Amino acid sequence: MNKFYDLLKYIIYASFYVIVIKTGMDFYEYKRFPKLYESYSAPWYTEALLYIAASLFVIVVYAVLRVQIPAHLTTHSAKS
């Protein structure tokens, strides 16, 4: 169970990295190639916002799982 618990931790960290790297790369591309984004109907950061929203959803779900798993294990081991 500790391996699963650690896996959840690594998924949360990876989601943070997705937010930082994706937003940073989008900002770099926007500053480096501003003409590329002139034809877009949405702002340049729209895709980064979608990645942030998806990553935050993953972070919240796995954070709740990380809290619930130990609580679930202690209640079931106490009943035995």
C-alpha atoms as a PDB file:
ATOM      1  CA  MET A   1       0.000   0.000   0.000  1.00  0.00           C
ATOM      2  CA  ASN A   2       2.953   2.321   0.588  1.00  0.00           C
ATOM      3  CA  LYS A   3       3.910   2.001  -3.084  1.00  0.00           C
ATOM      4  CA  PHE A   4       0.440   3.110  -4.110  1.00  0.00           C
ATOM      5  CA  TYR A   5       0.589   5.967  -1.627  1.00  0.00           C
ATOM      6  CA  ASP A   6       3.953   7.055  -3.070  1.00  0.00           C
ATOM      7  CA  LEU A   7       2.589   6.773  -6.601  1.00  0.00           C
ATOM      8  CA  LEU A   8      -0.191   9.206  -5.700  1.00  0.00           C
ATOM      9  CA  LYS A   9       2.426  11.615  -4.340  1.00  0.00           C
ATOM     10  CA  TYR A  10       4.438  11.435  -7.569  1.00  0.00           C
ATOM     11  CA  ILE A  11       1.335  12.028  -9.680  1.00  0.00           C
ATOM     12  CA  ILE A  12       0.595  15.160  -7.651  1.00  0.00           C
ATOM     13  CA  TYR A  13       4.171  16.396  -8.145  1.00  0.00           C
ATOM     14  CA  ALA A  14       4.001  15.643 -11.866  1.00  0.00           C
ATOM     15  CA  SER A  15       0.800  17.659 -12.142  1.00  0.00           C
ATOM     16  CA  PHE A  16       2.532  20.646 -10.558  1.00  0.00           C
ATOM     17  CA  TYR A  17       5.351  20.287 -13.072  1.00  0.00           C
ATOM     18  CA  VAL A  18       2.837  20.204 -15.926  1.00  0.00           C
ATOM     19  CA  ILE A  19       1.400  23.500 -14.715  1.00  0.00           C
ATOM     20  CA  VAL A  20       4.792  25.179 -14.396  1.00  0.00           C
ATOM     21  CA  ILE A  21       6.371  23.814 -17.567  1.00  0.00           C
ATOM     22  CA  LYS A  22       3.330  24.225 -19.826  1.00  0.00           C
ATOM     23  CA  THR A  23       2.659  27.766 -18.674  1.00  0.00           C
ATOM     24  CA  GLY A  24       6.332  28.659 -18.953  1.00  0.00           C
ATOM     25  CA  MET A  25       6.657  27.212 -22.441  1.00  0.00           C
ATOM     26  CA  ASP A  26       3.505  28.953 -23.642  1.00  0.00           C
ATOM     27  CA  PHE A  27       4.730  32.269 -22.265  1.00  0.00           C
ATOM     28  CA  TYR A  28       8.148  31.766 -23.870  1.00  0.00           C
ATOM     29  CA  GLU A  29       6.580  30.948 -27.259  1.00  0.00           C
ATOM     30  CA  TYR A  30       4.289  33.965 -27.001  1.00  0.00           C
ATOM     31  CA  LYS A  31       7.211  36.276 -26.264  1.00  0.00           C
ATOM     32  CA  ARG A  32       9.482  34.636 -28.857  1.00  0.00           C
ATOM     33  CA  PHE A  33       6.935  34.352 -31.686  1.00  0.00           C
ATOM     34  CA  PRO A  34       4.203  36.973 -31.115  1.00  0.00           C
ATOM     35  CA  LYS A  35       3.101  36.980 -34.782  1.00  0.00           C
ATOM     36  CA  LEU A  36       2.247  33.306 -34.511  1.00  0.00           C
ATOM     37  CA  TYR A  37      -0.534  34.056 -32.021  1.00  0.00           C
ATOM     38  CA  GLU A  38      -2.062  37.025 -33.863  1.00  0.00           C
ATOM     39  CA  SER A  39      -4.349  34.821 -35.934  1.00  0.00           C
ATOM     40  CA  TYR A  40      -5.715  32.898 -32.937  1.00  0.00           C
ATOM     41  CA  SER A  41      -9.256  33.731 -31.888  1.00  0.00           C
ATOM     42  CA  ALA A  42      -8.519  32.881 -28.242  1.00  0.00           C
ATOM     43  CA  PRO A  43      -5.796  34.452 -26.110  1.00  0.00           C
ATOM     44  CA  TRP A  44      -2.381  32.770 -26.115  1.00  0.00           C
ATOM     45  CA  TYR A  45      -2.805  31.491 -22.571  1.00  0.00           C
ATOM     46  CA  THR A  46      -6.076  29.601 -23.135  1.00  0.00           C
ATOM     47  CA  GLU A  47      -4.368  26.253 -23.648  1.00  0.00           C
ATOM     48  CA  ALA A  48      -2.252  26.801 -20.532  1.00  0.00           C
ATOM     49  CA  LEU A  49      -5.414  27.537 -18.540  1.00  0.00           C
ATOM     50  CA  LEU A  50      -6.926  24.255 -19.714  1.00  0.00           C
ATOM     51  CA  TYR A  51      -3.808  22.373 -18.621  1.00  0.00           C
ATOM     52  CA  ILE A  52      -3.939  24.156 -15.267  1.00  0.00           C
ATOM     53  CA  ALA A  53      -7.593  23.239 -14.776  1.00  0.00           C
ATOM     54  CA  ALA A  54      -6.981  19.585 -15.662  1.00  0.00           C
ATOM     55  CA  SER A  55      -3.886  19.422 -13.464  1.00  0.00           C
ATOM     56  CA  LEU A  56      -5.660  21.006 -10.513  1.00  0.00           C
ATOM     57  CA  PHE A  57      -8.465  18.476 -10.884  1.00  0.00           C
ATOM     58  CA  VAL A  58      -5.919  15.641 -10.802  1.00  0.00           C
ATOM     59  CA  ILE A  59      -4.161  17.208  -7.809  1.00  0.00           C
ATOM     60  CA  VAL A  60      -7.389  17.524  -5.828  1.00  0.00           C
ATOM     61  CA  VAL A  61      -8.550  13.986  -6.615  1.00  0.00           C
ATOM     62  CA  TYR A  62      -5.224  12.397  -5.708  1.00  0.00           C
ATOM     63  CA  ALA A  63      -4.798  14.564  -2.622  1.00  0.00           C
ATOM     64  CA  VAL A  64      -8.193  13.376  -1.386  1.00  0.00           C
ATOM     65  CA  LEU A  65      -7.158   9.791  -2.113  1.00  0.00           C
ATOM     66  CA  ARG A  66      -3.917  10.280  -0.177  1.00  0.00           C
ATOM     67  CA  VAL A  67      -5.907  11.481   2.819  1.00  0.00           C
ATOM     68  CA  GLN A  68      -8.599   8.808   2.566  1.00  0.00           C
ATOM     69  CA  ILE A  69      -6.346   5.774   2.112  1.00  0.00           C
ATOM     70  CA  PRO A  70      -4.570   5.982   5.503  1.00  0.00           C
ATOM     71  CA  ALA A  71      -7.839   6.860   7.243  1.00  0.00           C
ATOM     72  CA  HIS A  72      -9.526   3.898   5.560  1.00  0.00           C
ATOM     73  CA  LEU A  73      -6.697   1.554   6.518  1.00  0.00           C
ATOM     74  CA  THR A  74      -6.683   2.610  10.157  1.00  0.00           C
ATOM     75  CA  THR A  75     -10.440   2.183  10.551  1.00  0.00           C
ATOM     76  CA  HIS A  76     -10.382  -1.295   8.964  1.00  0.00           C
ATOM     77  CA  SER A  77      -7.334  -2.430  10.932  1.00  0.00           C
ATOM     78  CA  ALA A  78      -8.931  -1.180  14.178  1.00  0.00           C
ATOM     79  CA  LYS A  79     -12.040  -3.297  13.514  1.00  0.00           C
ATOM     80  CA  SER A  80      -9.979  -6.476  13.073  1.00  0.00           C
END
